Amino acid sequence: MEGNIPSAEGKEEYRMMVTQIFGSQEDAYEYYNSYASWKGFSVRKDDVKYMGGTNIVVRRRFCCSKEGYRLRKYFETSDQKREPRALTRCGCDAELEIERNANTG
């Protein structure tokens, strides 16, 4: 059970990540991508939410490239014409979600 207790270093790292303010979603992506590289994983752009009727991003989610699992239908298909791709998803939960601050833009 002690493995679940965050270290002082882990708490500081969490605080550093949570208090970040980015100028754009591209800045956030670059920051998280370099952080992920340092930690040994890669990042992909995931969910995005736009302000109603515009192309202004309100929320963006970046996640580990191994987040989630392959859909069951790809395992059950018997008449495949090509060799199936290698499994790459393992359910990793690493993610960074950013939101647009209405006060700062």
PDB file of N, CA and C in Angstrom:
ATOM      1  N   MET A   1       0.809  -1.190   0.000  1.00  0.00           N
ATOM      2  CA  MET A   1       0.000   0.000   0.000  1.00  0.00           C
ATOM      3  C   MET A   1       0.855   1.258   0.000  1.00  0.00           C
ATOM      4  N   GLU A   2       2.082   1.150   0.464  1.00  0.00           N
ATOM      5  CA  GLU A   2       2.942   2.327   0.521  1.00  0.00           C
ATOM      6  C   GLU A   2       3.304   2.857  -0.861  1.00  0.00           C
ATOM      7  N   GLY A   3       3.209   2.011  -1.878  1.00  0.00           N
ATOM      8  CA  GLY A   3       3.510   2.451  -3.232  1.00  0.00           C
ATOM      9  C   GLY A   3       2.543   3.514  -3.738  1.00  0.00           C
ATOM     10  N   ASN A   4       1.363   3.634  -3.126  1.00  0.00           N
ATOM     11  CA  ASN A   4       0.368   4.615  -3.544  1.00  0.00           C
ATOM     12  C   ASN A   4       0.544   5.969  -2.884  1.00  0.00           C
ATOM     13  N   ILE A   5       1.410   6.070  -1.899  1.00  0.00           N
ATOM     14  CA  ILE A   5       1.638   7.336  -1.202  1.00  0.00           C
ATOM     15  C   ILE A   5       2.650   8.145  -2.007  1.00  0.00           C
ATOM     16  N   PRO A   6       2.246   9.339  -2.482  1.00  0.00           N
ATOM     17  CA  PRO A   6       3.174  10.129  -3.298  1.00  0.00           C
ATOM     18  C   PRO A   6       4.338  10.656  -2.476  1.00  0.00           C
ATOM     19  N   SER A   7       5.503  10.677  -3.080  1.00  0.00           N
ATOM     20  CA  SER A   7       6.687  11.222  -2.423  1.00  0.00           C
ATOM     21  C   SER A   7       6.622  12.742  -2.447  1.00  0.00           C
ATOM     22  N   ALA A   8       7.496  13.372  -1.706  1.00  0.00           N
ATOM     23  CA  ALA A   8       7.563  14.838  -1.707  1.00  0.00           C
ATOM     24  C   ALA A   8       7.879  15.334  -3.116  1.00  0.00           C
ATOM     25  N   GLU A   9       8.748  14.618  -3.803  1.00  0.00           N
ATOM     26  CA  GLU A   9       9.094  14.988  -5.178  1.00  0.00           C
ATOM     27  C   GLU A   9       7.876  14.850  -6.092  1.00  0.00           C
ATOM     28  N   GLY A  10       7.097  13.790  -5.910  1.00  0.00           N
ATOM     29  CA  GLY A  10       5.895  13.571  -6.708  1.00  0.00           C
ATOM     30  C   GLY A  10       4.853  14.645  -6.461  1.00  0.00           C
ATOM     31  N   LYS A  11       4.710  15.066  -5.209  1.00  0.00           N
ATOM     32  CA  LYS A  11       3.758  16.126  -4.874  1.00  0.00           C
ATOM     33  C   LYS A  11       4.170  17.448  -5.513  1.00  0.00           C
ATOM     34  N   GLU A  12       5.457  17.742  -5.494  1.00  0.00           N
ATOM     35  CA  GLU A  12       5.953  18.981  -6.096  1.00  0.00           C
ATOM     36  C   GLU A  12       5.762  18.953  -7.611  1.00  0.00           C
ATOM     37  N   GLU A  13       6.018  17.808  -8.213  1.00  0.00           N
ATOM     38  CA  GLU A  13       5.825  17.657  -9.658  1.00  0.00           C
ATOM     39  C   GLU A  13       4.353  17.854 -10.022  1.00  0.00           C
ATOM     40  N   TYR A  14       3.441  17.297  -9.221  1.00  0.00           N
ATOM     41  CA  TYR A  14       2.006  17.459  -9.446  1.00  0.00           C
ATOM     42  C   TYR A  14       1.611  18.931  -9.336  1.00  0.00           C
ATOM     43  N   ARG A  15       2.088  19.610  -8.305  1.00  0.00           N
ATOM     44  CA  ARG A  15       1.784  21.025  -8.110  1.00  0.00           C
ATOM     45  C   ARG A  15       2.284  21.844  -9.295  1.00  0.00           C
ATOM     46  N   MET A  16       3.469  21.511  -9.775  1.00  0.00           N
ATOM     47  CA  MET A  16       4.052  22.220 -10.909  1.00  0.00           C
ATOM     48  C   MET A  16       3.181  22.046 -12.164  1.00  0.00           C
ATOM     49  N   MET A  17       2.669  20.838 -12.383  1.00  0.00           N
ATOM     50  CA  MET A  17       1.852  20.580 -13.564  1.00  0.00           C
ATOM     51  C   MET A  17       0.481  21.262 -13.472  1.00  0.00           C
ATOM     52  N   VAL A  18      -0.117  21.252 -12.297  1.00  0.00           N
ATOM     53  CA  VAL A  18      -1.474  21.776 -12.126  1.00  0.00           C
ATOM     54  C   VAL A  18      -1.522  23.298 -12.201  1.00  0.00           C
ATOM     55  N   THR A  19      -0.459  23.967 -11.820  1.00  0.00           N
ATOM     56  CA  THR A  19      -0.472  25.431 -11.772  1.00  0.00           C
ATOM     57  C   THR A  19       0.045  26.092 -13.045  1.00  0.00           C
ATOM     58  N   GLN A  20       0.348  25.314 -14.064  1.00  0.00           N
ATOM     59  CA  GLN A  20       0.872  25.881 -15.309  1.00  0.00           C
ATOM     60  C   GLN A  20      -0.179  26.738 -16.014  1.00  0.00           C
ATOM     61  N   ILE A  21       0.275  27.827 -16.610  1.00  0.00           N
ATOM     62  CA  ILE A  21      -0.570  28.663 -17.469  1.00  0.00           C
ATOM     63  C   ILE A  21       0.136  28.759 -18.814  1.00  0.00           C
ATOM     64  N   PHE A  22      -0.587  28.441 -19.879  1.00  0.00           N
ATOM     65  CA  PHE A  22      -0.014  28.419 -21.216  1.00  0.00           C
ATOM     66  C   PHE A  22      -0.633  29.513 -22.070  1.00  0.00           C
ATOM     67  N   GLY A  23       0.131  30.023 -23.011  1.00  0.00           N
ATOM     68  CA  GLY A  23      -0.361  31.054 -23.910  1.00  0.00           C
ATOM     69  C   GLY A  23      -1.267  30.514 -24.991  1.00  0.00           C
ATOM     70  N   SER A  24      -1.106  29.244 -25.347  1.00  0.00           N
ATOM     71  CA  SER A  24      -1.917  28.628 -26.394  1.00  0.00           C
ATOM     72  C   SER A  24      -1.930  27.120 -26.184  1.00  0.00           C
ATOM     73  N   GLN A  25      -2.820  26.449 -26.911  1.00  0.00           N
ATOM     74  CA  GLN A  25      -2.855  24.997 -26.804  1.00  0.00           C
ATOM     75  C   GLN A  25      -1.599  24.368 -27.404  1.00  0.00           C
ATOM     76  N   GLU A  26      -0.993  25.038 -28.368  1.00  0.00           N
ATOM     77  CA  GLU A  26       0.252  24.542 -28.953  1.00  0.00           C
ATOM     78  C   GLU A  26       1.382  24.583 -27.918  1.00  0.00           C
ATOM     79  N   ASP A  27       1.415  25.654 -27.112  1.00  0.00           N
ATOM     80  CA  ASP A  27       2.409  25.754 -26.042  1.00  0.00           C
ATOM     81  C   ASP A  27       2.219  24.624 -25.033  1.00  0.00           C
ATOM     82  N   ALA A  28       0.968  24.344 -24.684  1.00  0.00           N
ATOM     83  CA  ALA A  28       0.662  23.270 -23.743  1.00  0.00           C
ATOM     84  C   ALA A  28       1.091  21.924 -24.308  1.00  0.00           C
ATOM     85  N   TYR A  29       0.819  21.711 -25.593  1.00  0.00           N
ATOM     86  CA  TYR A  29       1.197  20.455 -26.235  1.00  0.00           C
ATOM     87  C   TYR A  29       2.716  20.284 -26.232  1.00  0.00           C
ATOM     88  N   GLU A  30       3.444  21.326 -26.587  1.00  0.00           N
ATOM     89  CA  GLU A  30       4.910  21.258 -26.592  1.00  0.00           C
ATOM     90  C   GLU A  30       5.446  20.964 -25.197  1.00  0.00           C
ATOM     91  N   TYR A  31       4.887  21.626 -24.191  1.00  0.00           N
ATOM     92  CA  TYR A  31       5.320  21.423 -22.812  1.00  0.00           C
ATOM     93  C   TYR A  31       5.060  19.977 -22.384  1.00  0.00           C
ATOM     94  N   TYR A  32       3.830  19.485 -22.606  1.00  0.00           N
ATOM     95  CA  TYR A  32       3.482  18.139 -22.162  1.00  0.00           C
ATOM     96  C   TYR A  32       4.241  17.090 -22.960  1.00  0.00           C
ATOM     97  N   ASN A  33       4.480  17.340 -24.216  1.00  0.00           N
ATOM     98  CA  ASN A  33       5.233  16.416 -25.052  1.00  0.00           C
ATOM     99  C   ASN A  33       6.673  16.285 -24.554  1.00  0.00           C
ATOM    100  N   SER A  34       7.290  17.406 -24.168  1.00  0.00           N
ATOM    101  CA  SER A  34       8.658  17.320 -23.652  1.00  0.00           C
ATOM    102  C   SER A  34       8.680  16.659 -22.272  1.00  0.00           C
ATOM    103  N   TYR A  35       7.662  16.941 -21.452  1.00  0.00           N
ATOM    104  CA  TYR A  35       7.553  16.286 -20.145  1.00  0.00           C
ATOM    105  C   TYR A  35       7.393  14.776 -20.327  1.00  0.00           C
ATOM    106  N   ALA A  36       6.521  14.372 -21.247  1.00  0.00           N
ATOM    107  CA  ALA A  36       6.275  12.959 -21.507  1.00  0.00           C
ATOM    108  C   ALA A  36       7.539  12.276 -22.009  1.00  0.00           C
ATOM    109  N   SER A  37       8.268  12.949 -22.863  1.00  0.00           N
ATOM    110  CA  SER A  37       9.512  12.413 -23.386  1.00  0.00           C
ATOM    111  C   SER A  37      10.497  12.165 -22.247  1.00  0.00           C
ATOM    112  N   TRP A  38      10.567  13.100 -21.320  1.00  0.00           N
ATOM    113  CA  TRP A  38      11.444  12.987 -20.152  1.00  0.00           C
ATOM    114  C   TRP A  38      11.015  11.810 -19.270  1.00  0.00           C
ATOM    115  N   LYS A  39       9.697  11.560 -19.182  1.00  0.00           N
ATOM    116  CA  LYS A  39       9.165  10.477 -18.357  1.00  0.00           C
ATOM    117  C   LYS A  39       9.130   9.132 -19.092  1.00  0.00           C
ATOM    118  N   GLY A  40       9.313   9.145 -20.408  1.00  0.00           N
ATOM    119  CA  GLY A  40       9.398   7.897 -21.156  1.00  0.00           C
ATOM    120  C   GLY A  40       8.127   7.457 -21.861  1.00  0.00           C
ATOM    121  N   PHE A  41       7.240   8.379 -22.179  1.00  0.00           N
ATOM    122  CA  PHE A  41       6.064   8.019 -22.964  1.00  0.00           C
ATOM    123  C   PHE A  41       5.809   9.087 -24.010  1.00  0.00           C
ATOM    124  N   SER A  42       4.904   8.803 -24.929  1.00  0.00           N
ATOM    125  CA  SER A  42       4.594   9.775 -25.979  1.00  0.00           C
ATOM    126  C   SER A  42       3.141  10.223 -25.839  1.00  0.00           C
ATOM    127  N   VAL A  43       2.832  11.365 -26.454  1.00  0.00           N
ATOM    128  CA  VAL A  43       1.555  12.035 -26.269  1.00  0.00           C
ATOM    129  C   VAL A  43       0.823  12.132 -27.598  1.00  0.00           C
ATOM    130  N   ARG A  44      -0.509  12.086 -27.514  1.00  0.00           N
ATOM    131  CA  ARG A  44      -1.334  12.372 -28.685  1.00  0.00           C
ATOM    132  C   ARG A  44      -2.432  13.348 -28.287  1.00  0.00           C
ATOM    133  N   LYS A  45      -2.905  14.104 -29.260  1.00  0.00           N
ATOM    134  CA  LYS A  45      -4.010  15.038 -29.020  1.00  0.00           C
ATOM    135  C   LYS A  45      -5.294  14.222 -29.021  1.00  0.00           C
ATOM    136  N   ASP A  46      -6.133  14.458 -28.009  1.00  0.00           N
ATOM    137  CA  ASP A  46      -7.346  13.664 -27.877  1.00  0.00           C
ATOM    138  C   ASP A  46      -8.570  14.565 -28.002  1.00  0.00           C
ATOM    139  N   ASP A  47      -9.375  14.639 -27.005  1.00  0.00           N
ATOM    140  CA  ASP A  47     -10.653  15.344 -27.035  1.00  0.00           C
ATOM    141  C   ASP A  47     -10.461  16.862 -27.137  1.00  0.00           C
ATOM    142  N   VAL A  48     -11.364  17.527 -27.856  1.00  0.00           N
ATOM    143  CA  VAL A  48     -11.354  18.983 -27.952  1.00  0.00           C
ATOM    144  C   VAL A  48     -12.798  19.475 -27.892  1.00  0.00           C
ATOM    145  N   LYS A  49     -13.009  20.597 -27.203  1.00  0.00           N
ATOM    146  CA  LYS A  49     -14.341  21.190 -27.116  1.00  0.00           C
ATOM    147  C   LYS A  49     -14.241  22.635 -27.578  1.00  0.00           C
ATOM    148  N   TYR A  50     -15.156  23.029 -28.469  1.00  0.00           N
ATOM    149  CA  TYR A  50     -15.160  24.371 -29.028  1.00  0.00           C
ATOM    150  C   TYR A  50     -16.265  25.210 -28.407  1.00  0.00           C
ATOM    151  N   MET A  51     -16.067  26.528 -28.422  1.00  0.00           N
ATOM    152  CA  MET A  51     -17.111  27.451 -27.998  1.00  0.00           C
ATOM    153  C   MET A  51     -18.229  27.358 -29.035  1.00  0.00           C
ATOM    154  N   GLY A  52     -19.466  27.298 -28.586  1.00  0.00           N
ATOM    155  CA  GLY A  52     -20.609  27.089 -29.467  1.00  0.00           C
ATOM    156  C   GLY A  52     -20.599  27.954 -30.711  1.00  0.00           C
ATOM    157  N   GLY A  53     -20.651  27.323 -31.873  1.00  0.00           N
ATOM    158  CA  GLY A  53     -20.743  28.027 -33.147  1.00  0.00           C
ATOM    159  C   GLY A  53     -19.465  28.703 -33.615  1.00  0.00           C
ATOM    160  N   THR A  54     -18.339  28.470 -32.939  1.00  0.00           N
ATOM    161  CA  THR A  54     -17.076  29.091 -33.338  1.00  0.00           C
ATOM    162  C   THR A  54     -15.991  28.027 -33.443  1.00  0.00           C
ATOM    163  N   ASN A  55     -14.813  28.444 -33.846  1.00  0.00           N
ATOM    164  CA  ASN A  55     -13.676  27.524 -33.850  1.00  0.00           C
ATOM    165  C   ASN A  55     -12.699  27.850 -32.721  1.00  0.00           C
ATOM    166  N   ILE A  56     -13.197  28.516 -31.675  1.00  0.00           N
ATOM    167  CA  ILE A  56     -12.372  28.844 -30.506  1.00  0.00           C
ATOM    168  C   ILE A  56     -12.371  27.650 -29.557  1.00  0.00           C
ATOM    169  N   VAL A  57     -11.179  27.151 -29.247  1.00  0.00           N
ATOM    170  CA  VAL A  57     -11.038  25.993 -28.367  1.00  0.00           C
ATOM    171  C   VAL A  57     -11.259  26.418 -26.924  1.00  0.00           C
ATOM    172  N   VAL A  58     -12.164  25.719 -26.231  1.00  0.00           N
ATOM    173  CA  VAL A  58     -12.457  25.985 -24.826  1.00  0.00           C
ATOM    174  C   VAL A  58     -11.712  24.998 -23.940  1.00  0.00           C
ATOM    175  N   ARG A  59     -11.627  23.734 -24.390  1.00  0.00           N
ATOM    176  CA  ARG A  59     -10.956  22.700 -23.619  1.00  0.00           C
ATOM    177  C   ARG A  59     -10.249  21.756 -24.572  1.00  0.00           C
ATOM    178  N   ARG A  60      -9.069  21.282 -24.159  1.00  0.00           N
ATOM    179  CA  ARG A  60      -8.296  20.351 -24.978  1.00  0.00           C
ATOM    180  C   ARG A  60      -7.680  19.312 -24.047  1.00  0.00           C
ATOM    181  N   ARG A  61      -7.676  18.070 -24.504  1.00  0.00           N
ATOM    182  CA  ARG A  61      -7.101  16.985 -23.715  1.00  0.00           C
ATOM    183  C   ARG A  61      -5.973  16.345 -24.493  1.00  0.00           C
ATOM    184  N   PHE A  62      -4.842  16.175 -23.827  1.00  0.00           N
ATOM    185  CA  PHE A  62      -3.702  15.444 -24.373  1.00  0.00           C
ATOM    186  C   PHE A  62      -3.563  14.180 -23.526  1.00  0.00           C
ATOM    187  N   CYS A  63      -3.278  13.057 -24.160  1.00  0.00           N
ATOM    188  CA  CYS A  63      -3.162  11.813 -23.392  1.00  0.00           C
ATOM    189  C   CYS A  63      -1.981  10.990 -23.899  1.00  0.00           C
ATOM    190  N   CYS A  64      -1.647   9.971 -23.115  1.00  0.00           N
ATOM    191  CA  CYS A  64      -0.592   9.036 -23.503  1.00  0.00           C
ATOM    192  C   CYS A  64      -1.017   8.345 -24.793  1.00  0.00           C
ATOM    193  N   SER A  65      -0.083   8.092 -25.668  1.00  0.00           N
ATOM    194  CA  SER A  65      -0.411   7.445 -26.934  1.00  0.00           C
ATOM    195  C   SER A  65      -0.900   6.011 -26.730  1.00  0.00           C
ATOM    196  N   LYS A  66      -0.698   5.456 -25.540  1.00  0.00           N
ATOM    197  CA  LYS A  66      -1.159   4.093 -25.246  1.00  0.00           C
ATOM    198  C   LYS A  66      -2.453   4.080 -24.432  1.00  0.00           C
ATOM    199  N   GLU A  67      -3.128   5.228 -24.322  1.00  0.00           N
ATOM    200  CA  GLU A  67      -4.376   5.321 -23.570  1.00  0.00           C
ATOM    201  C   GLU A  67      -5.467   4.548 -24.291  1.00  0.00           C
ATOM    202  N   GLY A  68      -6.336   3.886 -23.528  1.00  0.00           N
ATOM    203  CA  GLY A  68      -7.462   3.162 -24.103  1.00  0.00           C
ATOM    204  C   GLY A  68      -7.100   1.752 -24.534  1.00  0.00           C
ATOM    205  N   TYR A  69      -8.057   1.103 -25.187  1.00  0.00           N
ATOM    206  CA  TYR A  69      -7.881  -0.268 -25.669  1.00  0.00           C
ATOM    207  C   TYR A  69      -8.454  -0.384 -27.067  1.00  0.00           C
ATOM    208  N   ARG A  70      -7.987  -1.366 -27.810  1.00  0.00           N
ATOM    209  CA  ARG A  70      -8.526  -1.615 -29.141  1.00  0.00           C
ATOM    210  C   ARG A  70      -9.955  -2.130 -29.018  1.00  0.00           C
ATOM    211  N   LEU A  71     -10.807  -1.721 -29.930  1.00  0.00           N
ATOM    212  CA  LEU A  71     -12.201  -2.155 -29.910  1.00  0.00           C
ATOM    213  C   LEU A  71     -12.314  -3.664 -30.156  1.00  0.00           C
ATOM    214  N   ARG A  72     -13.276  -4.263 -29.503  1.00  0.00           N
ATOM    215  CA  ARG A  72     -13.489  -5.711 -29.587  1.00  0.00           C
ATOM    216  C   ARG A  72     -13.737  -6.172 -31.025  1.00  0.00           C
ATOM    217  N   LYS A  73     -14.403  -5.348 -31.834  1.00  0.00           N
ATOM    218  CA  LYS A  73     -14.745  -5.768 -33.203  1.00  0.00           C
ATOM    219  C   LYS A  73     -13.504  -6.105 -34.031  1.00  0.00           C
ATOM    220  N   TYR A  74     -12.349  -5.504 -33.694  1.00  0.00           N
ATOM    221  CA  TYR A  74     -11.133  -5.783 -34.450  1.00  0.00           C
ATOM    222  C   TYR A  74     -10.529  -7.132 -34.088  1.00  0.00           C
ATOM    223  N   PHE A  75     -10.926  -7.695 -32.959  1.00  0.00           N
ATOM    224  CA  PHE A  75     -10.455  -9.028 -32.579  1.00  0.00           C
ATOM    225  C   PHE A  75     -11.370 -10.118 -33.121  1.00  0.00           C
ATOM    226  N   GLU A  76     -12.627  -9.791 -33.355  1.00  0.00           N
ATOM    227  CA  GLU A  76     -13.616 -10.790 -33.735  1.00  0.00           C
ATOM    228  C   GLU A  76     -13.796 -10.940 -35.240  1.00  0.00           C
ATOM    229  N   THR A  77     -13.226 -10.066 -36.022  1.00  0.00           N
ATOM    230  CA  THR A  77     -13.369 -10.142 -37.478  1.00  0.00           C
ATOM    231  C   THR A  77     -12.626 -11.366 -37.997  1.00  0.00           C
ATOM    232  N   SER A  78     -13.338 -12.219 -38.727  1.00  0.00           N
ATOM    233  CA  SER A  78     -12.711 -13.452 -39.224  1.00  0.00           C
ATOM    234  C   SER A  78     -12.288 -13.346 -40.689  1.00  0.00           C
ATOM    235  N   ASP A  79     -12.866 -12.404 -41.422  1.00  0.00           N
ATOM    236  CA  ASP A  79     -12.550 -12.288 -42.848  1.00  0.00           C
ATOM    237  C   ASP A  79     -11.637 -11.088 -43.133  1.00  0.00           C
ATOM    238  N   GLN A  80     -10.584 -10.978 -42.361  1.00  0.00           N
ATOM    239  CA  GLN A  80      -9.643  -9.865 -42.558  1.00  0.00           C
ATOM    240  C   GLN A  80      -8.833 -10.072 -43.828  1.00  0.00           C
ATOM    241  N   LYS A  81      -8.672  -8.994 -44.561  1.00  0.00           N
ATOM    242  CA  LYS A  81      -7.900  -9.059 -45.795  1.00  0.00           C
ATOM    243  C   LYS A  81      -6.428  -8.753 -45.558  1.00  0.00           C
ATOM    244  N   ARG A  82      -6.158  -8.021 -44.474  1.00  0.00           N
ATOM    245  CA  ARG A  82      -4.775  -7.663 -44.147  1.00  0.00           C
ATOM    246  C   ARG A  82      -4.396  -8.219 -42.785  1.00  0.00           C
ATOM    247  N   GLU A  83      -3.120  -8.293 -42.560  1.00  0.00           N
ATOM    248  CA  GLU A  83      -2.601  -8.699 -41.248  1.00  0.00           C
ATOM    249  C   GLU A  83      -2.956  -7.604 -40.242  1.00  0.00           C
ATOM    250  N   PRO A  84      -3.506  -7.959 -39.067  1.00  0.00           N
ATOM    251  CA  PRO A  84      -3.868  -6.916 -38.093  1.00  0.00           C
ATOM    252  C   PRO A  84      -2.639  -6.167 -37.578  1.00  0.00           C
ATOM    253  N   ARG A  85      -2.838  -4.912 -37.254  1.00  0.00           N
ATOM    254  CA  ARG A  85      -1.754  -4.107 -36.704  1.00  0.00           C
ATOM    255  C   ARG A  85      -1.373  -4.614 -35.320  1.00  0.00           C
ATOM    256  N   ALA A  86      -0.170  -4.315 -34.916  1.00  0.00           N
ATOM    257  CA  ALA A  86       0.297  -4.719 -33.593  1.00  0.00           C
ATOM    258  C   ALA A  86      -0.499  -3.976 -32.516  1.00  0.00           C
ATOM    259  N   LEU A  87      -0.675  -4.617 -31.370  1.00  0.00           N
ATOM    260  CA  LEU A  87      -1.367  -3.971 -30.256  1.00  0.00           C
ATOM    261  C   LEU A  87      -0.466  -2.901 -29.652  1.00  0.00           C
ATOM    262  N   THR A  88      -1.009  -1.702 -29.494  1.00  0.00           N
ATOM    263  CA  THR A  88      -0.219  -0.614 -28.922  1.00  0.00           C
ATOM    264  C   THR A  88      -0.904   0.037 -27.735  1.00  0.00           C
ATOM    265  N   ARG A  89      -2.193  -0.199 -27.549  1.00  0.00           N
ATOM    266  CA  ARG A  89      -2.935   0.425 -26.454  1.00  0.00           C
ATOM    267  C   ARG A  89      -2.920  -0.481 -25.231  1.00  0.00           C
ATOM    268  N   CYS A  90      -2.643   0.113 -24.068  1.00  0.00           N
ATOM    269  CA  CYS A  90      -2.579  -0.684 -22.839  1.00  0.00           C
ATOM    270  C   CYS A  90      -3.384  -0.063 -21.702  1.00  0.00           C
ATOM    271  N   GLY A  91      -4.134   1.007 -21.966  1.00  0.00           N
ATOM    272  CA  GLY A  91      -4.968   1.598 -20.931  1.00  0.00           C
ATOM    273  C   GLY A  91      -4.252   2.603 -20.042  1.00  0.00           C
ATOM    274  N   CYS A  92      -3.164   3.161 -20.483  1.00  0.00           N
ATOM    275  CA  CYS A  92      -2.421   4.147 -19.687  1.00  0.00           C
ATOM    276  C   CYS A  92      -3.315   5.350 -19.363  1.00  0.00           C
ATOM    277  N   ASP A  93      -3.230   5.863 -18.141  1.00  0.00           N
ATOM    278  CA  ASP A  93      -4.091   6.961 -17.701  1.00  0.00           C
ATOM    279  C   ASP A  93      -3.419   8.338 -17.712  1.00  0.00           C
ATOM    280  N   ALA A  94      -2.193   8.431 -18.197  1.00  0.00           N
ATOM    281  CA  ALA A  94      -1.502   9.722 -18.193  1.00  0.00           C
ATOM    282  C   ALA A  94      -2.213  10.693 -19.131  1.00  0.00           C
ATOM    283  N   GLU A  95      -2.534  11.889 -18.625  1.00  0.00           N
ATOM    284  CA  GLU A  95      -3.213  12.883 -19.452  1.00  0.00           C
ATOM    285  C   GLU A  95      -2.997  14.283 -18.894  1.00  0.00           C
ATOM    286  N   LEU A  96      -3.207  15.253 -19.749  1.00  0.00           N
ATOM    287  CA  LEU A  96      -3.203  16.657 -19.368  1.00  0.00           C
ATOM    288  C   LEU A  96      -4.403  17.291 -20.047  1.00  0.00           C
ATOM    289  N   GLU A  97      -5.242  17.944 -19.260  1.00  0.00           N
ATOM    290  CA  GLU A  97      -6.409  18.622 -19.810  1.00  0.00           C
ATOM    291  C   GLU A  97      -6.272  20.109 -19.515  1.00  0.00           C
ATOM    292  N   ILE A  98      -6.446  20.920 -20.541  1.00  0.00           N
ATOM    293  CA  ILE A  98      -6.342  22.371 -20.371  1.00  0.00           C
ATOM    294  C   ILE A  98      -7.686  23.011 -20.702  1.00  0.00           C
ATOM    295  N   GLU A  99      -7.949  24.145 -20.063  1.00  0.00           N
ATOM    296  CA  GLU A  99      -9.159  24.906 -20.338  1.00  0.00           C
ATOM    297  C   GLU A  99      -8.802  26.349 -20.595  1.00  0.00           C
ATOM    298  N   ARG A 100      -9.565  26.975 -21.448  1.00  0.00           N
ATOM    299  CA  ARG A 100      -9.367  28.391 -21.772  1.00  0.00           C
ATOM    300  C   ARG A 100      -9.877  29.220 -20.609  1.00  0.00           C
ATOM    301  N   ASN A 101      -9.063  30.159 -20.159  1.00  0.00           N
ATOM    302  CA  ASN A 101      -9.465  31.066 -19.094  1.00  0.00           C
ATOM    303  C   ASN A 101     -10.111  32.276 -19.735  1.00  0.00           C
ATOM    304  N   ALA A 102     -11.365  32.516 -19.423  1.00  0.00           N
ATOM    305  CA  ALA A 102     -12.124  33.615 -20.022  1.00  0.00           C
ATOM    306  C   ALA A 102     -11.497  34.967 -19.696  1.00  0.00           C
ATOM    307  N   ASN A 103     -10.828  35.106 -18.555  1.00  0.00           N
ATOM    308  CA  ASN A 103     -10.220  36.377 -18.160  1.00  0.00           C
ATOM    309  C   ASN A 103      -8.939  36.686 -18.914  1.00  0.00           C
ATOM    310  N   THR A 104      -8.136  35.655 -19.201  1.00  0.00           N
ATOM    311  CA  THR A 104      -6.856  35.896 -19.846  1.00  0.00           C
ATOM    312  C   THR A 104      -6.852  35.517 -21.319  1.00  0.00           C
ATOM    313  N   GLY A 105      -7.872  34.784 -21.770  1.00  0.00           N
ATOM    314  CA  GLY A 105      -7.949  34.384 -23.177  1.00  0.00           C
ATOM    315  C   GLY A 105      -7.253  33.121 -23.390  1.00  0.00           C
TER     316      GLY A 105
END
